[in-house]
């Protein structure tokens, strides 16, 4: 599991995966249906918009997290390429200096 990709839920930790979020939303909907059947729709009327907002926020957060992970990976690749180029140029410079020193002797 990657860092920053988990949420705590009930009995444990779940990966923040769109399928899991959809599954949990379905469970939530079933529970709300049971409450509506028992106590009427007025009981959950004000709760539904908040729950929708939270679920949309989860989906949005996951998209932002994935975007940041991709940016971080691109940055890592760029740094690795720069380091390789630096090492190569450093080696060439060192070889050139050694060659110049040998010619002076």
Protein backbone atom coordinates (compact mmCIF):
# COMPACT_ATOMS: atom_id res chain seq x y z
CA UNK A 1 0.00 0.00 0.00
CA UNK A 2 1.40 3.38 -0.95
CA UNK A 3 1.78 6.18 1.53
CA UNK A 4 -1.19 8.50 1.72
CA UNK A 5 -3.57 6.09 0.03
CA UNK A 6 -5.38 4.62 2.96
CA UNK A 7 -8.29 5.60 5.12
CA UNK A 8 -9.42 4.11 8.38
CA UNK A 9 -12.84 2.57 8.34
CA UNK A 10 -14.73 0.61 10.96
CA UNK A 11 -12.68 -2.50 11.64
CA UNK A 12 -9.47 -1.61 9.86
CA UNK A 13 -7.64 0.06 7.06
CA UNK A 14 -8.89 0.20 3.46
CA UNK A 15 -7.06 1.24 0.34
CA UNK A 16 -8.60 4.37 -1.14
CA UNK A 17 -9.68 2.70 -4.35
CA UNK A 18 -12.59 3.93 -6.51
CA UNK A 19 -14.19 0.48 -6.42
CA UNK A 20 -14.02 0.36 -2.63
CA UNK A 21 -15.43 3.89 -2.36
CA UNK A 22 -18.31 2.86 -4.66
CA UNK A 23 -18.89 -0.28 -2.62
CA UNK A 24 -18.93 1.68 0.63
CA UNK A 25 -21.28 4.26 -0.93
CA UNK A 26 -23.61 1.40 -1.87
CA UNK A 27 -23.55 0.10 1.70
CA UNK A 28 -24.25 3.59 2.97
CA UNK A 29 -27.17 3.90 0.58
CA UNK A 30 -28.59 0.59 1.83
CA UNK A 31 -28.33 1.77 5.42
CA UNK A 32 -30.05 5.05 4.53
CA UNK A 33 -32.82 3.11 2.80
CA UNK A 34 -33.35 1.10 5.99
CA UNK A 35 -33.52 4.28 8.07
CA UNK A 36 -35.99 5.84 5.59
CA UNK A 37 -38.18 2.74 5.69
CA UNK A 38 -38.16 2.75 9.49
CA UNK A 39 -38.33 6.47 10.30
CA UNK A 40 -39.31 8.25 7.08
CA UNK A 41 -37.35 10.30 4.56
CA UNK A 42 -37.36 13.48 6.67
CA UNK A 43 -34.87 11.87 9.06
CA UNK A 44 -32.12 11.59 6.43
CA UNK A 45 -33.12 14.45 4.16
CA UNK A 46 -30.49 16.88 5.45
CA UNK A 47 -27.85 14.14 5.74
CA UNK A 48 -27.89 13.02 2.09
CA UNK A 49 -26.35 16.21 0.58
CA UNK A 50 -23.55 16.08 3.15
CA UNK A 51 -22.84 12.43 2.38
CA UNK A 52 -22.80 13.11 -1.36
CA UNK A 53 -20.39 16.01 -0.77
CA UNK A 54 -18.10 13.75 1.30
CA UNK A 55 -18.09 10.99 -1.32
CA UNK A 56 -17.39 13.48 -4.10
CA UNK A 57 -14.61 14.92 -1.94
CA UNK A 58 -13.08 11.46 -1.57
CA UNK A 59 -13.11 10.94 -5.32
CA UNK A 60 -11.59 14.38 -5.89
CA UNK A 61 -8.93 13.81 -3.24
CA UNK A 62 -7.96 10.51 -4.82
CA UNK A 63 -7.59 12.19 -8.22
CA UNK A 64 -5.41 14.93 -6.69
CA UNK A 65 -3.33 12.35 -4.85
CA UNK A 66 -2.76 10.36 -8.03
CA UNK A 67 -1.76 13.59 -9.83
CA UNK A 68 0.75 14.47 -7.09
CA UNK A 69 2.17 10.94 -7.15
CA UNK A 70 2.69 11.21 -10.90
CA UNK A 71 4.39 14.60 -10.50
CA UNK A 72 6.64 13.20 -7.78
CA UNK A 73 7.57 10.25 -9.99
CA UNK A 74 8.39 12.57 -12.88
CA UNK A 75 10.53 14.67 -10.52
CA UNK A 76 12.33 11.56 -9.31
CA UNK A 77 13.09 10.49 -12.89
CA UNK A 78 14.31 14.00 -13.72
CA UNK A 79 16.60 14.04 -10.67
CA UNK A 80 17.99 10.63 -11.56
CA UNK A 81 18.71 11.77 -15.13
CA UNK A 82 20.38 14.94 -13.88
CA UNK A 83 22.50 12.95 -11.42
CA UNK A 84 23.59 10.55 -14.16
CA UNK A 85 24.49 13.49 -16.42
CA UNK A 86 26.38 15.16 -13.58
CA UNK A 87 28.32 11.97 -12.83
CA UNK A 88 29.14 11.51 -16.51
CA UNK A 89 30.34 15.10 -16.92
CA UNK A 90 32.32 14.84 -13.68
CA UNK A 91 34.03 11.70 -14.92
CA UNK A 92 34.82 13.33 -18.28
CA UNK A 93 36.20 16.42 -16.54
CA UNK A 94 38.36 14.30 -14.25
CA UNK A 95 39.68 12.29 -17.21
CA UNK A 96 40.38 15.48 -19.11
CA UNK A 97 42.30 16.97 -16.17
CA UNK A 98 44.29 13.78 -15.75
CA UNK A 99 45.08 13.76 -19.45
CA UNK A 100 46.26 17.41 -19.29
CA UNK A 101 48.44 16.61 -16.30
CA UNK A 102 50.00 13.68 -18.12
CA UNK A 103 50.77 15.90 -21.14
CA UNK A 104 52.48 18.47 -18.90
CA UNK A 105 54.83 15.82 -17.56
